[in-house]
Amino acid sequence: MDVNKIITLCGKDWAKVGMEFIFLGGKQECENCRLKNICLRLREGAKYKIVGLRNGEIHECPLHDEGVVAVEVVELPIMALIDSKVAVEGAKIRFEKRCDNLDCELYNLCNPLELKDGDSVIVKAIVGDPPIQCPKGYSLKIVELEGSNA
């Protein structure tokens, strides 16, 4: 587990073990910050979980009035529904959003926040069948995905 930990900075008030967040990238205020290389080392659009707190020293930040502190995070897998034909462990695929029905129980699994249509991902594991049949009739599998840099 230590191998996958990344040290970064986050707002002091939400630096709590177990907190999850999606890294949205840097802002204009980050351009001239001396700590930007620590903050911006995360992958934009990826979901992270705080798994440890460092020494608690508070650093000034133009975006966080209360300052930032060092934390240890791990990148979380992306849980999604994909076409069962491409649900093969180790397969590199282009993620396709198929549905825009906001009222569907499966919407969040079909449209994970971490992914955009066409993103390149790797199928890390097959989790199983969805809890209900797809109302549109698609044959789907719940999978664990990992972002691919290609």
N, C-alpha and C. Protein backbone atom coordinates (compact mmCIF):
# COMPACT_ATOMS: atom_id res chain seq x y z
N MET A 1 0.83 -1.19 0.00
CA MET A 1 0.00 0.00 0.00
C MET A 1 0.87 1.26 0.00
N ASP A 2 2.02 1.25 0.70
CA ASP A 2 2.90 2.42 0.75
C ASP A 2 3.37 2.84 -0.63
N VAL A 3 3.54 1.89 -1.53
CA VAL A 3 4.05 2.19 -2.86
C VAL A 3 3.12 3.14 -3.61
N ASN A 4 1.82 3.02 -3.39
CA ASN A 4 0.84 3.81 -4.13
C ASN A 4 0.50 5.14 -3.47
N LYS A 5 1.05 5.42 -2.28
CA LYS A 5 0.75 6.67 -1.59
C LYS A 5 1.44 7.83 -2.28
N ILE A 6 0.73 8.94 -2.35
CA ILE A 6 1.27 10.17 -2.92
C ILE A 6 1.12 11.25 -1.85
N ILE A 7 2.17 12.02 -1.63
CA ILE A 7 2.09 13.13 -0.70
C ILE A 7 1.70 14.37 -1.50
N THR A 8 0.67 15.05 -1.01
CA THR A 8 0.18 16.27 -1.65
C THR A 8 -0.30 17.21 -0.55
N LEU A 9 -0.87 18.32 -0.94
CA LEU A 9 -1.41 19.29 0.01
C LEU A 9 -2.90 19.43 -0.20
N CYS A 10 -3.63 19.65 0.90
CA CYS A 10 -5.06 19.92 0.77
C CYS A 10 -5.47 20.92 1.84
N GLY A 11 -6.63 21.51 1.65
CA GLY A 11 -7.14 22.48 2.61
C GLY A 11 -7.19 21.91 4.02
N LYS A 12 -6.71 22.69 4.98
CA LYS A 12 -6.61 22.24 6.38
C LYS A 12 -7.94 21.73 6.91
N ASP A 13 -9.03 22.42 6.59
CA ASP A 13 -10.33 22.06 7.16
C ASP A 13 -10.89 20.73 6.64
N TRP A 14 -10.46 20.27 5.49
CA TRP A 14 -10.96 18.97 5.01
C TRP A 14 -9.88 17.90 4.92
N ALA A 15 -8.77 18.13 5.62
CA ALA A 15 -7.68 17.14 5.67
C ALA A 15 -8.00 16.10 6.73
N LYS A 16 -8.83 15.14 6.37
CA LYS A 16 -9.24 14.09 7.30
C LYS A 16 -9.09 12.74 6.61
N VAL A 17 -8.56 11.77 7.35
CA VAL A 17 -8.42 10.42 6.80
C VAL A 17 -9.81 9.92 6.40
N GLY A 18 -9.88 9.37 5.20
CA GLY A 18 -11.14 8.85 4.66
C GLY A 18 -11.81 9.79 3.69
N MET A 19 -11.44 11.07 3.69
CA MET A 19 -12.03 12.05 2.77
C MET A 19 -11.66 11.66 1.34
N GLU A 20 -12.66 11.70 0.44
CA GLU A 20 -12.43 11.41 -0.97
C GLU A 20 -12.70 12.66 -1.79
N PHE A 21 -11.94 12.82 -2.87
CA PHE A 21 -12.12 13.99 -3.73
C PHE A 21 -11.65 13.68 -5.14
N ILE A 22 -12.15 14.45 -6.09
CA ILE A 22 -11.69 14.36 -7.47
C ILE A 22 -10.79 15.57 -7.71
N PHE A 23 -9.58 15.32 -8.19
CA PHE A 23 -8.63 16.40 -8.45
C PHE A 23 -9.01 17.10 -9.75
N LEU A 24 -9.32 18.38 -9.65
CA LEU A 24 -9.78 19.15 -10.80
C LEU A 24 -8.67 19.94 -11.49
N GLY A 25 -7.45 19.86 -10.97
CA GLY A 25 -6.33 20.57 -11.59
C GLY A 25 -6.05 21.89 -10.90
N GLY A 26 -5.02 22.56 -11.38
CA GLY A 26 -4.60 23.82 -10.80
C GLY A 26 -5.43 24.99 -11.31
N LYS A 27 -5.29 26.10 -10.65
CA LYS A 27 -5.97 27.34 -11.02
C LYS A 27 -4.91 28.39 -11.33
N GLN A 28 -5.34 29.52 -11.84
CA GLN A 28 -4.41 30.60 -12.19
C GLN A 28 -3.59 31.03 -10.97
N GLU A 29 -4.23 31.02 -9.79
CA GLU A 29 -3.53 31.42 -8.56
C GLU A 29 -2.35 30.51 -8.23
N CYS A 30 -2.32 29.31 -8.80
CA CYS A 30 -1.26 28.34 -8.51
C CYS A 30 0.02 28.62 -9.31
N GLU A 31 -0.09 29.38 -10.38
CA GLU A 31 1.02 29.61 -11.31
C GLU A 31 2.33 29.98 -10.62
N ASN A 32 2.29 30.91 -9.68
CA ASN A 32 3.52 31.42 -9.05
C ASN A 32 3.76 30.88 -7.65
N CYS A 33 3.01 29.88 -7.25
CA CYS A 33 3.14 29.33 -5.90
C CYS A 33 4.37 28.43 -5.81
N ARG A 34 5.13 28.57 -4.73
CA ARG A 34 6.34 27.76 -4.55
C ARG A 34 6.01 26.30 -4.22
N LEU A 35 4.76 26.02 -3.84
CA LEU A 35 4.36 24.65 -3.48
C LEU A 35 3.58 23.94 -4.58
N LYS A 36 3.45 24.56 -5.76
CA LYS A 36 2.59 24.00 -6.79
C LYS A 36 3.01 22.60 -7.24
N ASN A 37 4.30 22.29 -7.20
CA ASN A 37 4.73 20.96 -7.63
C ASN A 37 4.25 19.85 -6.70
N ILE A 38 3.99 20.20 -5.45
CA ILE A 38 3.45 19.22 -4.50
C ILE A 38 1.95 19.07 -4.72
N CYS A 39 1.26 20.20 -4.88
CA CYS A 39 -0.20 20.17 -5.06
C CYS A 39 -0.61 19.57 -6.40
N LEU A 40 0.11 19.90 -7.44
CA LEU A 40 -0.32 19.57 -8.80
C LEU A 40 0.26 18.25 -9.31
N ARG A 41 0.74 17.40 -8.42
CA ARG A 41 1.31 16.12 -8.85
C ARG A 41 0.24 15.06 -9.07
N LEU A 42 -1.00 15.38 -8.75
CA LEU A 42 -2.10 14.43 -8.93
C LEU A 42 -2.59 14.46 -10.38
N ARG A 43 -3.26 13.39 -10.78
CA ARG A 43 -3.77 13.27 -12.14
C ARG A 43 -5.14 13.94 -12.23
N GLU A 44 -5.24 14.92 -13.12
CA GLU A 44 -6.49 15.67 -13.27
C GLU A 44 -7.64 14.74 -13.64
N GLY A 45 -8.76 14.89 -12.93
CA GLY A 45 -9.94 14.07 -13.18
C GLY A 45 -9.97 12.77 -12.39
N ALA A 46 -8.86 12.43 -11.71
CA ALA A 46 -8.81 11.18 -10.95
C ALA A 46 -9.39 11.39 -9.55
N LYS A 47 -9.90 10.29 -8.97
CA LYS A 47 -10.48 10.33 -7.63
C LYS A 47 -9.45 9.81 -6.64
N TYR A 48 -9.31 10.51 -5.50
CA TYR A 48 -8.32 10.17 -4.48
C TYR A 48 -8.98 10.06 -3.12
N LYS A 49 -8.30 9.31 -2.25
CA LYS A 49 -8.74 9.17 -0.86
C LYS A 49 -7.57 9.51 0.05
N ILE A 50 -7.84 10.32 1.07
CA ILE A 50 -6.79 10.65 2.05
C ILE A 50 -6.64 9.46 2.99
N VAL A 51 -5.41 8.92 3.05
CA VAL A 51 -5.15 7.74 3.88
C VAL A 51 -4.21 8.04 5.04
N GLY A 52 -3.66 9.24 5.06
CA GLY A 52 -2.76 9.60 6.16
C GLY A 52 -2.53 11.09 6.21
N LEU A 53 -2.21 11.56 7.41
CA LEU A 53 -1.88 12.97 7.61
C LEU A 53 -0.40 13.06 7.93
N ARG A 54 0.24 14.11 7.48
CA ARG A 54 1.67 14.30 7.76
C ARG A 54 1.82 15.10 9.05
N ASN A 55 2.78 16.00 9.12
CA ASN A 55 3.12 16.67 10.38
C ASN A 55 2.16 17.76 10.83
N GLY A 56 1.21 18.17 10.03
CA GLY A 56 0.24 19.16 10.43
C GLY A 56 0.66 20.61 10.23
N GLU A 57 1.88 20.83 9.72
CA GLU A 57 2.34 22.19 9.48
C GLU A 57 1.42 22.86 8.45
N ILE A 58 0.97 24.07 8.75
CA ILE A 58 0.05 24.80 7.87
C ILE A 58 0.85 25.71 6.94
N HIS A 59 0.57 25.58 5.64
CA HIS A 59 1.23 26.39 4.62
C HIS A 59 0.21 27.37 4.04
N GLU A 60 0.66 28.57 3.72
CA GLU A 60 -0.23 29.56 3.10
C GLU A 60 -0.61 29.11 1.70
N CYS A 61 -1.85 29.46 1.31
CA CYS A 61 -2.36 29.11 -0.01
C CYS A 61 -3.34 30.19 -0.46
N PRO A 62 -3.18 30.67 -1.70
CA PRO A 62 -4.11 31.69 -2.18
C PRO A 62 -5.54 31.17 -2.42
N LEU A 63 -5.72 29.86 -2.49
CA LEU A 63 -7.06 29.29 -2.71
C LEU A 63 -7.76 28.85 -1.44
N HIS A 64 -6.99 28.55 -0.40
CA HIS A 64 -7.55 28.05 0.86
C HIS A 64 -7.24 29.05 1.96
N ASP A 65 -8.25 29.79 2.41
CA ASP A 65 -8.05 30.81 3.45
C ASP A 65 -7.44 30.24 4.72
N GLU A 66 -7.81 29.02 5.07
CA GLU A 66 -7.31 28.41 6.29
C GLU A 66 -5.92 27.79 6.12
N GLY A 67 -5.39 27.78 4.88
CA GLY A 67 -4.09 27.19 4.58
C GLY A 67 -4.22 25.74 4.16
N VAL A 68 -3.10 25.14 3.84
CA VAL A 68 -3.07 23.74 3.42
C VAL A 68 -2.09 22.96 4.28
N VAL A 69 -2.32 21.65 4.36
CA VAL A 69 -1.44 20.75 5.10
C VAL A 69 -1.10 19.55 4.22
N ALA A 70 0.01 18.90 4.56
CA ALA A 70 0.45 17.73 3.80
C ALA A 70 -0.37 16.50 4.20
N VAL A 71 -0.78 15.75 3.19
CA VAL A 71 -1.55 14.52 3.40
C VAL A 71 -1.00 13.42 2.48
N GLU A 72 -1.32 12.18 2.81
CA GLU A 72 -1.00 11.04 1.96
C GLU A 72 -2.30 10.60 1.30
N VAL A 73 -2.28 10.42 -0.01
CA VAL A 73 -3.46 9.99 -0.73
C VAL A 73 -3.15 8.78 -1.59
N VAL A 74 -4.20 8.05 -1.95
CA VAL A 74 -4.10 6.98 -2.93
C VAL A 74 -5.16 7.24 -3.99
N GLU A 75 -4.83 6.91 -5.23
CA GLU A 75 -5.81 7.05 -6.30
C GLU A 75 -6.78 5.88 -6.21
N LEU A 76 -8.07 6.18 -6.28
CA LEU A 76 -9.10 5.15 -6.19
C LEU A 76 -9.43 4.61 -7.57
N PRO A 77 -9.82 3.35 -7.64
CA PRO A 77 -10.24 2.80 -8.92
C PRO A 77 -11.55 3.45 -9.35
N ILE A 78 -11.81 3.42 -10.62
CA ILE A 78 -13.04 3.96 -11.18
C ILE A 78 -14.00 2.79 -11.37
N MET A 79 -15.15 2.85 -10.73
CA MET A 79 -16.16 1.81 -10.90
C MET A 79 -17.11 2.29 -11.99
N ALA A 80 -17.37 1.42 -12.96
CA ALA A 80 -18.21 1.82 -14.09
C ALA A 80 -18.93 0.61 -14.68
N LEU A 81 -19.97 0.91 -15.44
CA LEU A 81 -20.65 -0.11 -16.24
C LEU A 81 -20.16 0.04 -17.68
N ILE A 82 -19.74 -1.06 -18.28
CA ILE A 82 -19.32 -1.05 -19.68
C ILE A 82 -19.99 -2.21 -20.40
N ASP A 83 -19.95 -2.17 -21.71
CA ASP A 83 -20.51 -3.24 -22.54
C ASP A 83 -19.83 -4.56 -22.16
N SER A 84 -20.62 -5.58 -21.92
CA SER A 84 -20.07 -6.87 -21.48
C SER A 84 -19.11 -7.47 -22.50
N LYS A 85 -19.23 -7.11 -23.79
CA LYS A 85 -18.33 -7.65 -24.82
C LYS A 85 -16.89 -7.17 -24.66
N VAL A 86 -16.70 -6.00 -24.06
CA VAL A 86 -15.34 -5.46 -23.89
C VAL A 86 -14.86 -5.56 -22.44
N ALA A 87 -15.67 -6.19 -21.58
CA ALA A 87 -15.31 -6.36 -20.17
C ALA A 87 -14.36 -7.53 -20.03
N VAL A 88 -13.09 -7.29 -20.35
CA VAL A 88 -12.05 -8.31 -20.29
C VAL A 88 -10.90 -7.74 -19.47
N GLU A 89 -10.51 -8.44 -18.40
CA GLU A 89 -9.42 -7.95 -17.56
C GLU A 89 -8.17 -7.70 -18.39
N GLY A 90 -7.58 -6.52 -18.20
CA GLY A 90 -6.36 -6.15 -18.91
C GLY A 90 -6.61 -5.45 -20.23
N ALA A 91 -7.85 -5.43 -20.68
CA ALA A 91 -8.15 -4.81 -21.97
C ALA A 91 -8.03 -3.29 -21.86
N LYS A 92 -7.45 -2.70 -22.91
CA LYS A 92 -7.38 -1.24 -23.00
C LYS A 92 -8.50 -0.82 -23.94
N ILE A 93 -9.40 0.02 -23.43
CA ILE A 93 -10.58 0.40 -24.21
C ILE A 93 -10.78 1.92 -24.17
N ARG A 94 -11.62 2.40 -25.06
CA ARG A 94 -12.07 3.80 -25.02
C ARG A 94 -13.43 3.79 -24.32
N PHE A 95 -13.54 4.55 -23.24
CA PHE A 95 -14.79 4.59 -22.49
C PHE A 95 -15.85 5.32 -23.30
N GLU A 96 -17.05 4.72 -23.36
CA GLU A 96 -18.16 5.32 -24.09
C GLU A 96 -19.34 5.53 -23.16
N LYS A 97 -19.79 6.78 -23.07
CA LYS A 97 -21.01 7.06 -22.33
C LYS A 97 -22.17 6.77 -23.27
N ARG A 98 -23.11 5.94 -22.82
CA ARG A 98 -24.19 5.48 -23.69
C ARG A 98 -25.54 6.07 -23.34
N CYS A 99 -25.66 6.66 -22.17
CA CYS A 99 -26.99 7.00 -21.69
C CYS A 99 -27.01 8.38 -21.05
N ASP A 100 -28.11 9.08 -21.27
CA ASP A 100 -28.27 10.39 -20.64
C ASP A 100 -29.54 10.44 -19.80
N ASN A 101 -30.04 9.28 -19.41
CA ASN A 101 -31.25 9.19 -18.60
C ASN A 101 -30.88 9.42 -17.13
N LEU A 102 -31.00 10.67 -16.67
CA LEU A 102 -30.63 11.04 -15.30
C LEU A 102 -31.47 10.32 -14.25
N ASP A 103 -32.64 9.83 -14.61
CA ASP A 103 -33.52 9.16 -13.66
C ASP A 103 -33.18 7.68 -13.47
N CYS A 104 -32.29 7.15 -14.30
CA CYS A 104 -31.95 5.72 -14.23
C CYS A 104 -31.10 5.44 -12.99
N GLU A 105 -31.40 4.31 -12.32
CA GLU A 105 -30.63 3.86 -11.15
C GLU A 105 -29.15 3.63 -11.49
N LEU A 106 -28.88 3.30 -12.74
CA LEU A 106 -27.52 2.96 -13.16
C LEU A 106 -26.73 4.16 -13.68
N TYR A 107 -27.36 5.33 -13.73
CA TYR A 107 -26.74 6.50 -14.37
C TYR A 107 -25.33 6.78 -13.86
N ASN A 108 -25.13 6.80 -12.54
CA ASN A 108 -23.80 7.14 -12.00
C ASN A 108 -22.73 6.11 -12.36
N LEU A 109 -23.11 4.84 -12.46
CA LEU A 109 -22.14 3.83 -12.89
C LEU A 109 -21.87 3.91 -14.39
N CYS A 110 -22.86 4.30 -15.16
CA CYS A 110 -22.67 4.44 -16.60
C CYS A 110 -21.93 5.72 -16.96
N ASN A 111 -21.95 6.69 -16.05
CA ASN A 111 -21.36 8.00 -16.31
C ASN A 111 -20.49 8.45 -15.14
N PRO A 112 -19.42 7.70 -14.82
CA PRO A 112 -18.60 8.11 -13.67
C PRO A 112 -18.00 9.50 -13.90
N LEU A 113 -18.00 10.30 -12.84
CA LEU A 113 -17.49 11.67 -12.93
C LEU A 113 -16.03 11.74 -13.38
N GLU A 114 -15.26 10.70 -13.08
CA GLU A 114 -13.83 10.71 -13.39
C GLU A 114 -13.53 10.57 -14.88
N LEU A 115 -14.52 10.14 -15.67
CA LEU A 115 -14.26 9.84 -17.08
C LEU A 115 -15.06 10.72 -18.01
N LYS A 116 -14.43 11.03 -19.13
CA LYS A 116 -15.12 11.71 -20.23
C LYS A 116 -15.29 10.70 -21.35
N ASP A 117 -16.26 10.93 -22.20
CA ASP A 117 -16.49 10.07 -23.34
C ASP A 117 -15.22 10.00 -24.19
N GLY A 118 -14.77 8.80 -24.51
CA GLY A 118 -13.58 8.62 -25.34
C GLY A 118 -12.28 8.48 -24.56
N ASP A 119 -12.31 8.61 -23.23
CA ASP A 119 -11.08 8.44 -22.43
C ASP A 119 -10.55 7.02 -22.59
N SER A 120 -9.25 6.90 -22.64
CA SER A 120 -8.59 5.61 -22.71
C SER A 120 -8.45 5.06 -21.29
N VAL A 121 -8.93 3.82 -21.08
CA VAL A 121 -8.89 3.18 -19.76
C VAL A 121 -8.47 1.72 -19.91
N ILE A 122 -8.06 1.16 -18.77
CA ILE A 122 -7.70 -0.26 -18.72
C ILE A 122 -8.68 -0.94 -17.77
N VAL A 123 -9.22 -2.08 -18.19
CA VAL A 123 -10.11 -2.86 -17.34
C VAL A 123 -9.24 -3.62 -16.35
N LYS A 124 -9.28 -3.21 -15.08
CA LYS A 124 -8.45 -3.85 -14.05
C LYS A 124 -9.11 -5.11 -13.49
N ALA A 125 -10.44 -5.08 -13.34
CA ALA A 125 -11.14 -6.24 -12.78
C ALA A 125 -12.61 -6.21 -13.17
N ILE A 126 -13.17 -7.39 -13.30
CA ILE A 126 -14.61 -7.53 -13.53
C ILE A 126 -15.24 -7.72 -12.16
N VAL A 127 -16.16 -6.83 -11.79
CA VAL A 127 -16.80 -6.91 -10.47
C VAL A 127 -18.04 -7.79 -10.54
N GLY A 128 -18.82 -7.65 -11.62
CA GLY A 128 -20.01 -8.50 -11.74
C GLY A 128 -21.11 -7.84 -12.55
N ASP A 129 -22.32 -8.35 -12.36
CA ASP A 129 -23.49 -7.85 -13.08
C ASP A 129 -24.07 -6.64 -12.36
N PRO A 130 -24.75 -5.76 -13.10
CA PRO A 130 -25.40 -4.62 -12.46
C PRO A 130 -26.54 -5.09 -11.56
N PRO A 131 -26.92 -4.25 -10.59
CA PRO A 131 -27.99 -4.66 -9.66
C PRO A 131 -29.36 -4.80 -10.32
N ILE A 132 -29.55 -4.13 -11.46
CA ILE A 132 -30.80 -4.26 -12.23
C ILE A 132 -30.44 -4.36 -13.71
N GLN A 133 -31.38 -4.83 -14.50
CA GLN A 133 -31.20 -4.86 -15.96
C GLN A 133 -31.18 -3.43 -16.49
N CYS A 134 -30.40 -3.20 -17.51
CA CYS A 134 -30.38 -1.89 -18.16
C CYS A 134 -31.73 -1.65 -18.81
N PRO A 135 -32.39 -0.52 -18.50
CA PRO A 135 -33.69 -0.23 -19.10
C PRO A 135 -33.64 -0.10 -20.63
N LYS A 136 -32.46 0.21 -21.18
CA LYS A 136 -32.33 0.33 -22.64
C LYS A 136 -31.95 -1.00 -23.29
N GLY A 137 -31.75 -2.03 -22.46
CA GLY A 137 -31.47 -3.35 -23.00
C GLY A 137 -30.00 -3.65 -23.25
N TYR A 138 -29.08 -2.75 -22.84
CA TYR A 138 -27.65 -3.03 -23.03
C TYR A 138 -27.21 -4.16 -22.11
N SER A 139 -26.28 -4.98 -22.60
CA SER A 139 -25.67 -6.02 -21.78
C SER A 139 -24.43 -5.41 -21.14
N LEU A 140 -24.46 -5.23 -19.82
CA LEU A 140 -23.42 -4.49 -19.12
C LEU A 140 -22.77 -5.30 -18.02
N LYS A 141 -21.54 -4.93 -17.68
CA LYS A 141 -20.82 -5.50 -16.54
C LYS A 141 -20.27 -4.34 -15.71
N ILE A 142 -20.26 -4.52 -14.38
CA ILE A 142 -19.59 -3.57 -13.49
C ILE A 142 -18.12 -3.93 -13.50
N VAL A 143 -17.28 -2.94 -13.75
CA VAL A 143 -15.83 -3.17 -13.81
C VAL A 143 -15.09 -2.11 -12.99
N GLU A 144 -13.87 -2.45 -12.67
CA GLU A 144 -12.95 -1.50 -12.06
C GLU A 144 -12.02 -1.05 -13.17
N LEU A 145 -11.98 0.26 -13.40
CA LEU A 145 -11.16 0.82 -14.48
C LEU A 145 -10.01 1.64 -13.91
N GLU A 146 -8.98 1.75 -14.70
CA GLU A 146 -7.84 2.59 -14.35
C GLU A 146 -7.56 3.48 -15.55
N GLY A 147 -7.30 4.74 -15.28
CA GLY A 147 -6.96 5.66 -16.36
C GLY A 147 -5.68 5.23 -17.05
N SER A 148 -5.64 5.40 -18.34
CA SER A 148 -4.46 5.07 -19.13
C SER A 148 -3.91 6.38 -19.69
N ASN A 149 -2.61 6.53 -19.72
CA ASN A 149 -2.01 7.78 -20.20
C ASN A 149 -1.88 7.84 -21.71
N ALA A 150 -2.36 6.82 -22.40
CA ALA A 150 -2.21 6.81 -23.84
C ALA A 150 -3.48 7.22 -24.53
